[in-house]
């Protein structure tokens, strides 16, 4: 279950219902459950805001995991990757150069 306090300074930009529906659908397909769709969307947008502010993707993943202990590392990584793909693909393309593990954008690969 996703739980995230959205910072007051977060500016998620205009809502796109199609984009939000795509995000929620991708969460479901990944096996990530949520009780509140708008809360999940807000958490994803906050994750992108954190990355846009210079937070590393691993720091965002750790924050997701801290606020959603049931996710574990794998679920938190999936959530952050889906959020990146849907809401901040520019960051995803920048971080993909840093990984050899395409399932975990922005994370260092094995080795």
Protein backbone atom coordinates (compact mmCIF):
# COMPACT_ATOMS: atom_id res chain seq x y z
CA UNK A 1 0.00 0.00 0.00
CA UNK A 2 1.42 3.37 -1.00
CA UNK A 3 1.69 6.08 1.62
CA UNK A 4 3.58 9.27 0.96
CA UNK A 5 3.32 12.73 2.43
CA UNK A 6 3.51 15.16 -0.45
CA UNK A 7 5.75 18.12 0.37
CA UNK A 8 4.02 21.50 0.31
CA UNK A 9 6.58 22.81 -2.19
CA UNK A 10 5.95 20.07 -4.74
CA UNK A 11 4.61 21.45 -8.00
CA UNK A 12 3.41 18.42 -9.93
CA UNK A 13 2.23 20.46 -12.89
CA UNK A 14 -1.08 20.06 -14.65
CA UNK A 15 -2.86 16.76 -14.17
CA UNK A 16 -3.23 14.52 -17.19
CA UNK A 17 -5.97 11.94 -16.52
CA UNK A 18 -4.66 9.69 -19.31
CA UNK A 19 -1.15 9.78 -17.90
CA UNK A 20 -2.45 9.09 -14.39
CA UNK A 21 -4.56 6.16 -15.63
CA UNK A 22 -1.51 4.75 -17.41
CA UNK A 23 0.56 5.04 -14.24
CA UNK A 24 -2.07 3.31 -12.09
CA UNK A 25 -2.48 0.57 -14.70
CA UNK A 26 1.27 -0.03 -14.79
CA UNK A 27 1.35 -0.24 -10.99
CA UNK A 28 -1.37 -2.89 -11.09
CA UNK A 29 0.44 -4.81 -13.82
CA UNK A 30 3.59 -4.76 -11.66
CA UNK A 31 1.63 -6.16 -8.71
CA UNK A 32 1.86 -2.94 -6.68
CA UNK A 33 -1.35 -2.32 -4.76
CA UNK A 34 -2.66 1.06 -3.71
CA UNK A 35 -5.75 2.08 -1.79
CA UNK A 36 -5.89 5.64 -3.07
CA UNK A 37 -5.21 6.34 -6.75
CA UNK A 38 -4.72 10.10 -6.32
CA UNK A 39 -2.31 9.40 -3.44
CA UNK A 40 -0.29 7.01 -5.57
CA UNK A 41 -0.16 9.58 -8.38
CA UNK A 42 0.91 12.30 -5.93
CA UNK A 43 3.65 10.01 -4.57
CA UNK A 44 4.93 9.35 -8.09
CA UNK A 45 4.94 13.03 -8.95
CA UNK A 46 6.75 13.76 -5.69
CA UNK A 47 9.37 11.14 -6.58
CA UNK A 48 9.98 12.98 -9.86
CA UNK A 49 10.11 16.31 -8.05
CA UNK A 50 12.77 14.86 -5.75
CA UNK A 51 14.79 13.64 -8.73
CA UNK A 52 14.38 16.98 -10.50
CA UNK A 53 15.70 18.64 -7.33
CA UNK A 54 18.89 16.61 -7.53
CA UNK A 55 18.03 13.62 -5.34
CA UNK A 56 19.52 10.43 -6.69
CA UNK A 57 17.12 7.74 -7.80
CA UNK A 58 18.46 5.41 -5.09
CA UNK A 59 17.60 8.06 -2.48
CA UNK A 60 14.08 8.27 -3.89
CA UNK A 61 13.80 4.48 -3.79
CA UNK A 62 14.93 4.48 -0.16
CA UNK A 63 12.28 7.12 0.66
CA UNK A 64 9.57 5.05 -1.05
CA UNK A 65 10.72 1.99 0.89
CA UNK A 66 10.79 3.87 4.19
CA UNK A 67 7.23 5.14 3.70
CA UNK A 68 6.01 1.79 2.36
CA UNK A 69 7.88 -0.93 4.30
CA UNK A 70 5.87 -3.69 2.67
CA UNK A 71 7.36 -2.84 -0.73
CA UNK A 72 10.89 -3.88 0.12
CA UNK A 73 13.68 -2.89 -2.23
CA UNK A 74 12.21 -4.62 -5.29
CA UNK A 75 8.74 -3.03 -4.96
CA UNK A 76 10.19 0.39 -4.21
CA UNK A 77 12.46 0.12 -7.23
CA UNK A 78 9.53 -0.91 -9.45
CA UNK A 79 7.38 1.97 -8.15
CA UNK A 80 10.16 4.51 -8.75
CA UNK A 81 10.94 3.11 -12.21
CA UNK A 82 7.27 3.29 -13.21
CA UNK A 83 6.98 6.82 -11.80
CA UNK A 84 10.07 7.83 -13.77
CA UNK A 85 8.82 6.26 -16.98
CA UNK A 86 5.42 7.93 -16.78
CA UNK A 87 6.02 11.30 -15.11
CA UNK A 88 9.66 12.19 -15.69
CA UNK A 89 10.96 10.25 -18.71
CA UNK A 90 13.67 12.87 -19.27
CA UNK A 91 15.24 11.81 -15.98
CA UNK A 92 14.85 8.16 -16.92
CA UNK A 93 16.75 8.66 -20.17
CA UNK A 94 19.54 10.48 -18.31
CA UNK A 95 19.79 7.79 -15.64
CA UNK A 96 19.72 4.86 -18.08
CA UNK A 97 23.29 5.66 -19.07
CA UNK A 98 24.31 4.96 -15.46
CA UNK A 99 23.03 1.39 -15.32
CA UNK A 100 23.73 -1.99 -16.81
CA UNK A 101 20.51 -3.33 -15.30
CA UNK A 102 17.58 -2.19 -17.49
CA UNK A 103 15.06 -3.41 -14.89
CA UNK A 104 16.32 -0.84 -12.40
CA UNK A 105 16.91 2.49 -14.15
CA UNK A 106 19.53 4.64 -12.54
CA UNK A 107 20.85 1.91 -10.28
CA UNK A 108 24.35 0.57 -10.70
CA UNK A 109 24.44 -2.83 -12.31
CA UNK A 110 26.17 -5.87 -10.89
CA UNK A 111 29.88 -5.83 -10.66
